[in-house]
Amino acid sequence: MSDKPWLTNYSKGVPSEINPDCFASLVELLDDSCKKFKDLPAFSQFNHELTYAERAYPAIKPFASLSQKYSALRAHQLRRESGRSYDAVIRLRFDYALQTPIILESYDLSAVNVPNRCPHAGGIDDTFAIGNEENMNVYGDLFHCIPDLYESGVDFCDEILLGQHLARNNVPVKQHDITYDLIRG
């Protein structure tokens, strides 16, 4: 048996060995590949393909985005399954540390309150949110709606998908000066 059984699955013309010194970094390899294969599909999701040249949001990692949205969905499902009722529901990404104190009375809980740091038109910052249970349930259900949003022409960008999802469900959004730091290493 071969010590490299995966080689039998390689397409014709794909070398079994590479020169690891061809590129100084993975970023250089990716940049070169995007130029070299600009007309080929880079990403396929929900029956739509983007070429390497068409990617509007190159920093987006689709599988990480979907995983994150699924985790948010599961957290909201577990909260609902607990049978408890809450006046306020908070969503905070685990890899961010808030630098602004959260004083419950300073937020309109009939809206989803978010930081005002989203750079994308039509999008909302998805690192932190606080609102009433009903609106935060809609927030948490974004994962189920991504195919419809994407098929309708909404860009596959976390913040834009969330902004469009809340708008389509008539959930009011209020933006605030909330600062935070990324804490992953």
C-alpha atoms as a PDB file:
ATOM      1  CA  MET A   1       0.000   0.000   0.000  1.00  0.00           C
ATOM      2  CA  SER A   2       1.256   3.481  -0.912  1.00  0.00           C
ATOM      3  CA  ASP A   3       2.309   5.818   1.883  1.00  0.00           C
ATOM      4  CA  LYS A   4       0.460   8.579  -0.053  1.00  0.00           C
ATOM      5  CA  PRO A   5      -2.932   7.051  -0.950  1.00  0.00           C
ATOM      6  CA  TRP A   6      -4.437  10.483  -1.683  1.00  0.00           C
ATOM      7  CA  LEU A   7      -2.363  10.739  -4.879  1.00  0.00           C
ATOM      8  CA  THR A   8      -4.830   8.428  -6.645  1.00  0.00           C
ATOM      9  CA  ASN A   9      -7.475  11.161  -6.241  1.00  0.00           C
ATOM     10  CA  TYR A  10      -5.371  13.908  -7.862  1.00  0.00           C
ATOM     11  CA  SER A  11      -6.615  15.189 -11.212  1.00  0.00           C
ATOM     12  CA  LYS A  12      -4.475  14.652 -14.280  1.00  0.00           C
ATOM     13  CA  GLY A  13      -1.683  17.223 -14.390  1.00  0.00           C
ATOM     14  CA  VAL A  14      -1.578  17.852 -10.633  1.00  0.00           C
ATOM     15  CA  PRO A  15       1.978  17.201  -9.446  1.00  0.00           C
ATOM     16  CA  SER A  16       2.565  14.767  -6.586  1.00  0.00           C
ATOM     17  CA  GLU A  17       5.293  17.010  -5.165  1.00  0.00           C
ATOM     18  CA  ILE A  18       5.613  20.787  -4.868  1.00  0.00           C
ATOM     19  CA  ASN A  19       8.488  23.173  -4.326  1.00  0.00           C
ATOM     20  CA  PRO A  20       7.738  24.663  -0.891  1.00  0.00           C
ATOM     21  CA  ASP A  21      10.223  27.495  -1.529  1.00  0.00           C
ATOM     22  CA  CYS A  22       8.329  28.950  -4.534  1.00  0.00           C
ATOM     23  CA  PHE A  23       6.494  31.476  -2.357  1.00  0.00           C
ATOM     24  CA  ALA A  24       7.616  33.442   0.681  1.00  0.00           C
ATOM     25  CA  SER A  25       4.216  33.118   2.384  1.00  0.00           C
ATOM     26  CA  LEU A  26       0.724  31.677   2.031  1.00  0.00           C
ATOM     27  CA  VAL A  27      -0.538  35.183   1.238  1.00  0.00           C
ATOM     28  CA  GLU A  28       1.877  35.354  -1.714  1.00  0.00           C
ATOM     29  CA  LEU A  29       0.706  31.903  -2.878  1.00  0.00           C
ATOM     30  CA  LEU A  30      -2.955  32.968  -2.651  1.00  0.00           C
ATOM     31  CA  ASP A  31      -2.334  36.265  -4.473  1.00  0.00           C
ATOM     32  CA  ASP A  32      -0.468  34.463  -7.260  1.00  0.00           C
ATOM     33  CA  SER A  33      -3.201  31.812  -7.550  1.00  0.00           C
ATOM     34  CA  CYS A  34      -5.966  34.442  -7.676  1.00  0.00           C
ATOM     35  CA  LYS A  35      -4.209  36.164 -10.581  1.00  0.00           C
ATOM     36  CA  LYS A  36      -3.368  32.915 -12.351  1.00  0.00           C
ATOM     37  CA  PHE A  37      -6.883  31.422 -12.023  1.00  0.00           C
ATOM     38  CA  LYS A  38      -8.934  34.645 -12.050  1.00  0.00           C
ATOM     39  CA  ASP A  39     -11.608  33.232 -14.387  1.00  0.00           C
ATOM     40  CA  LEU A  40     -12.107  29.952 -12.505  1.00  0.00           C
ATOM     41  CA  PRO A  41     -14.600  29.400  -9.648  1.00  0.00           C
ATOM     42  CA  ALA A  42     -13.159  30.386  -6.278  1.00  0.00           C
ATOM     43  CA  PHE A  43     -16.255  29.721  -4.244  1.00  0.00           C
ATOM     44  CA  SER A  44     -19.542  27.978  -4.845  1.00  0.00           C
ATOM     45  CA  GLN A  45     -22.421  28.351  -2.427  1.00  0.00           C
ATOM     46  CA  PHE A  46     -26.178  27.965  -2.808  1.00  0.00           C
ATOM     47  CA  ASN A  47     -25.938  27.329  -6.579  1.00  0.00           C
ATOM     48  CA  HIS A  48     -23.942  30.508  -7.195  1.00  0.00           C
ATOM     49  CA  GLU A  49     -20.275  30.711  -8.128  1.00  0.00           C
ATOM     50  CA  LEU A  50     -17.784  33.534  -7.743  1.00  0.00           C
ATOM     51  CA  THR A  51     -14.547  33.569  -9.685  1.00  0.00           C
ATOM     52  CA  TYR A  52     -11.314  34.564  -8.039  1.00  0.00           C
ATOM     53  CA  ALA A  53     -11.635  37.943  -9.782  1.00  0.00           C
ATOM     54  CA  GLU A  54     -15.239  38.517  -8.576  1.00  0.00           C
ATOM     55  CA  ARG A  55     -14.796  38.075  -4.842  1.00  0.00           C
ATOM     56  CA  ALA A  56     -16.138  41.336  -3.438  1.00  0.00           C
ATOM     57  CA  TYR A  57     -15.111  40.549   0.132  1.00  0.00           C
ATOM     58  CA  PRO A  58     -11.800  38.650  -0.095  1.00  0.00           C
ATOM     59  CA  ALA A  59     -11.330  38.426   3.680  1.00  0.00           C
ATOM     60  CA  ILE A  60     -14.531  36.398   4.086  1.00  0.00           C
ATOM     61  CA  LYS A  61     -14.008  32.762   4.900  1.00  0.00           C
ATOM     62  CA  PRO A  62     -17.355  31.161   3.936  1.00  0.00           C
ATOM     63  CA  PHE A  63     -17.049  28.043   6.054  1.00  0.00           C
ATOM     64  CA  ALA A  64     -15.971  30.038   9.107  1.00  0.00           C
ATOM     65  CA  SER A  65     -18.890  32.416   8.530  1.00  0.00           C
ATOM     66  CA  LEU A  66     -21.402  29.599   8.261  1.00  0.00           C
ATOM     67  CA  SER A  67     -19.935  27.880  11.321  1.00  0.00           C
ATOM     68  CA  GLN A  68     -20.181  31.099  13.314  1.00  0.00           C
ATOM     69  CA  LYS A  69     -23.798  31.673  12.271  1.00  0.00           C
ATOM     70  CA  TYR A  70     -24.672  28.053  13.070  1.00  0.00           C
ATOM     71  CA  SER A  71     -23.106  28.415  16.531  1.00  0.00           C
ATOM     72  CA  ALA A  72     -25.187  31.540  17.150  1.00  0.00           C
ATOM     73  CA  LEU A  73     -28.304  29.648  16.017  1.00  0.00           C
ATOM     74  CA  ARG A  74     -27.554  26.755  18.396  1.00  0.00           C
ATOM     75  CA  ALA A  75     -26.933  29.125  21.317  1.00  0.00           C
ATOM     76  CA  HIS A  76     -30.309  30.778  20.722  1.00  0.00           C
ATOM     77  CA  GLN A  77     -32.012  27.382  20.338  1.00  0.00           C
ATOM     78  CA  LEU A  78     -30.521  26.158  23.629  1.00  0.00           C
ATOM     79  CA  ARG A  79     -31.662  29.334  25.374  1.00  0.00           C
ATOM     80  CA  ARG A  80     -35.204  28.846  24.051  1.00  0.00           C
ATOM     81  CA  GLU A  81     -35.200  25.145  24.994  1.00  0.00           C
ATOM     82  CA  SER A  82     -34.310  26.050  28.581  1.00  0.00           C
ATOM     83  CA  GLY A  83     -37.866  27.320  29.016  1.00  0.00           C
ATOM     84  CA  ARG A  84     -36.647  30.475  30.728  1.00  0.00           C
ATOM     85  CA  SER A  85     -37.767  33.932  29.703  1.00  0.00           C
ATOM     86  CA  TYR A  86     -35.421  36.905  29.552  1.00  0.00           C
ATOM     87  CA  ASP A  87     -35.969  40.663  29.398  1.00  0.00           C
ATOM     88  CA  ALA A  88     -32.694  41.089  27.511  1.00  0.00           C
ATOM     89  CA  VAL A  89     -30.603  38.735  25.419  1.00  0.00           C
ATOM     90  CA  ILE A  90     -26.956  39.502  24.701  1.00  0.00           C
ATOM     91  CA  ARG A  91     -24.888  38.075  21.887  1.00  0.00           C
ATOM     92  CA  LEU A  92     -21.114  38.530  22.082  1.00  0.00           C
ATOM     93  CA  ARG A  93     -18.532  36.772  19.974  1.00  0.00           C
ATOM     94  CA  PHE A  94     -16.177  34.807  22.191  1.00  0.00           C
ATOM     95  CA  ASP A  95     -13.065  36.305  20.595  1.00  0.00           C
ATOM     96  CA  TYR A  96     -13.913  39.926  21.420  1.00  0.00           C
ATOM     97  CA  ALA A  97     -13.595  41.808  24.702  1.00  0.00           C
ATOM     98  CA  LEU A  98     -15.930  44.749  25.226  1.00  0.00           C
ATOM     99  CA  GLN A  99     -14.228  47.952  26.330  1.00  0.00           C
ATOM    100  CA  THR A 100     -17.480  49.896  26.804  1.00  0.00           C
ATOM    101  CA  PRO A 101     -19.511  49.202  29.958  1.00  0.00           C
ATOM    102  CA  ILE A 102     -22.922  47.763  29.104  1.00  0.00           C
ATOM    103  CA  ILE A 103     -25.557  49.559  31.164  1.00  0.00           C
ATOM    104  CA  LEU A 104     -28.867  47.882  30.423  1.00  0.00           C
ATOM    105  CA  GLU A 105     -30.949  51.028  31.009  1.00  0.00           C
ATOM    106  CA  SER A 106     -29.072  52.869  28.244  1.00  0.00           C
ATOM    107  CA  TYR A 107     -30.415  50.558  25.514  1.00  0.00           C
ATOM    108  CA  ASP A 108     -33.808  50.416  23.832  1.00  0.00           C
ATOM    109  CA  LEU A 109     -34.497  46.699  24.152  1.00  0.00           C
ATOM    110  CA  SER A 110     -37.295  46.842  21.572  1.00  0.00           C
ATOM    111  CA  ALA A 111     -34.488  47.170  19.007  1.00  0.00           C
ATOM    112  CA  VAL A 112     -31.334  45.176  18.366  1.00  0.00           C
ATOM    113  CA  ASN A 113     -28.521  47.366  19.654  1.00  0.00           C
ATOM    114  CA  VAL A 114     -25.124  46.944  17.990  1.00  0.00           C
ATOM    115  CA  PRO A 115     -21.766  48.727  17.685  1.00  0.00           C
ATOM    116  CA  ASN A 116     -21.574  51.370  14.956  1.00  0.00           C
ATOM    117  CA  ARG A 117     -18.347  49.975  13.503  1.00  0.00           C
ATOM    118  CA  CYS A 118     -19.544  48.162  10.356  1.00  0.00           C
ATOM    119  CA  PRO A 119     -17.738  49.412   7.216  1.00  0.00           C
ATOM    120  CA  HIS A 120     -20.175  47.806   4.737  1.00  0.00           C
ATOM    121  CA  ALA A 121     -23.186  49.699   3.371  1.00  0.00           C
ATOM    122  CA  GLY A 122     -26.369  47.967   4.520  1.00  0.00           C
ATOM    123  CA  GLY A 123     -24.511  45.860   7.046  1.00  0.00           C
ATOM    124  CA  ILE A 124     -24.426  45.876  10.811  1.00  0.00           C
ATOM    125  CA  ASP A 125     -21.588  44.959  13.140  1.00  0.00           C
ATOM    126  CA  ASP A 126     -22.062  41.351  14.278  1.00  0.00           C
ATOM    127  CA  THR A 127     -19.648  41.212  17.209  1.00  0.00           C
ATOM    128  CA  PHE A 128     -22.127  42.270  19.900  1.00  0.00           C
ATOM    129  CA  ALA A 129     -25.892  42.710  20.109  1.00  0.00           C
ATOM    130  CA  ILE A 130     -28.440  43.244  22.858  1.00  0.00           C
ATOM    131  CA  GLY A 131     -32.215  43.322  22.548  1.00  0.00           C
ATOM    132  CA  ASN A 132     -35.437  41.738  23.675  1.00  0.00           C
ATOM    133  CA  GLU A 133     -35.995  38.011  23.333  1.00  0.00           C
ATOM    134  CA  GLU A 134     -38.244  38.259  20.272  1.00  0.00           C
ATOM    135  CA  ASN A 135     -35.821  40.353  18.206  1.00  0.00           C
ATOM    136  CA  MET A 136     -32.784  38.370  19.321  1.00  0.00           C
ATOM    137  CA  ASN A 137     -34.567  35.166  18.246  1.00  0.00           C
ATOM    138  CA  VAL A 138     -34.756  36.653  14.740  1.00  0.00           C
ATOM    139  CA  TYR A 139     -31.076  37.622  15.006  1.00  0.00           C
ATOM    140  CA  GLY A 140     -30.157  34.075  15.989  1.00  0.00           C
ATOM    141  CA  ASP A 141     -32.148  32.521  13.141  1.00  0.00           C
ATOM    142  CA  LEU A 142     -29.998  34.145  10.427  1.00  0.00           C
ATOM    143  CA  PHE A 143     -28.347  30.797   9.617  1.00  0.00           C
ATOM    144  CA  HIS A 144     -31.615  29.385   8.241  1.00  0.00           C
ATOM    145  CA  CYS A 145     -32.136  32.413   6.001  1.00  0.00           C
ATOM    146  CA  ILE A 146     -28.693  32.672   4.389  1.00  0.00           C
ATOM    147  CA  PRO A 147     -29.619  30.641   1.260  1.00  0.00           C
ATOM    148  CA  ASP A 148     -32.648  32.845   0.510  1.00  0.00           C
ATOM    149  CA  LEU A 149     -30.709  36.046   1.154  1.00  0.00           C
ATOM    150  CA  TYR A 150     -27.815  34.927  -1.021  1.00  0.00           C
ATOM    151  CA  GLU A 151     -30.079  33.693  -3.828  1.00  0.00           C
ATOM    152  CA  SER A 152     -31.843  37.070  -3.830  1.00  0.00           C
ATOM    153  CA  GLY A 153     -28.533  38.813  -4.535  1.00  0.00           C
ATOM    154  CA  VAL A 154     -27.346  39.794  -1.052  1.00  0.00           C
ATOM    155  CA  ASP A 155     -23.545  39.658  -0.922  1.00  0.00           C
ATOM    156  CA  PHE A 156     -22.029  36.842   1.118  1.00  0.00           C
ATOM    157  CA  CYS A 157     -20.674  39.152   3.798  1.00  0.00           C
ATOM    158  CA  ASP A 158     -21.557  38.447   7.438  1.00  0.00           C
ATOM    159  CA  GLU A 159     -22.512  42.012   8.293  1.00  0.00           C
ATOM    160  CA  ILE A 160     -24.538  42.602   5.120  1.00  0.00           C
ATOM    161  CA  LEU A 161     -26.398  39.296   5.468  1.00  0.00           C
ATOM    162  CA  LEU A 162     -27.290  40.170   9.070  1.00  0.00           C
ATOM    163  CA  GLY A 163     -28.371  43.718   8.178  1.00  0.00           C
ATOM    164  CA  GLN A 164     -30.611  42.484   5.364  1.00  0.00           C
ATOM    165  CA  HIS A 165     -32.023  39.650   7.494  1.00  0.00           C
ATOM    166  CA  LEU A 166     -33.064  42.005  10.294  1.00  0.00           C
ATOM    167  CA  ALA A 167     -34.450  44.557   7.819  1.00  0.00           C
ATOM    168  CA  ARG A 168     -36.548  41.908   6.027  1.00  0.00           C
ATOM    169  CA  ASN A 169     -37.979  40.846   9.381  1.00  0.00           C
ATOM    170  CA  ASN A 170     -38.730  44.454  10.393  1.00  0.00           C
ATOM    171  CA  VAL A 171     -36.400  44.297  13.383  1.00  0.00           C
ATOM    172  CA  PRO A 172     -35.281  47.809  14.317  1.00  0.00           C
ATOM    173  CA  VAL A 173     -31.535  48.284  14.761  1.00  0.00           C
ATOM    174  CA  LYS A 174     -29.875  51.005  16.814  1.00  0.00           C
ATOM    175  CA  GLN A 175     -26.171  51.664  16.566  1.00  0.00           C
ATOM    176  CA  HIS A 176     -24.057  52.799  19.503  1.00  0.00           C
ATOM    177  CA  ASP A 177     -20.477  53.774  20.280  1.00  0.00           C
ATOM    178  CA  ILE A 178     -19.395  50.420  21.673  1.00  0.00           C
ATOM    179  CA  THR A 179     -15.708  49.632  21.569  1.00  0.00           C
ATOM    180  CA  TYR A 180     -14.123  46.208  21.730  1.00  0.00           C
ATOM    181  CA  ASP A 181     -10.832  44.457  21.130  1.00  0.00           C
ATOM    182  CA  LEU A 182     -10.072  41.288  19.268  1.00  0.00           C
ATOM    183  CA  ILE A 183      -8.498  38.871  21.773  1.00  0.00           C
ATOM    184  CA  ARG A 184      -7.479  35.851  19.707  1.00  0.00           C
ATOM    185  CA  GLY A 185      -3.802  35.129  19.298  1.00  0.00           C
END
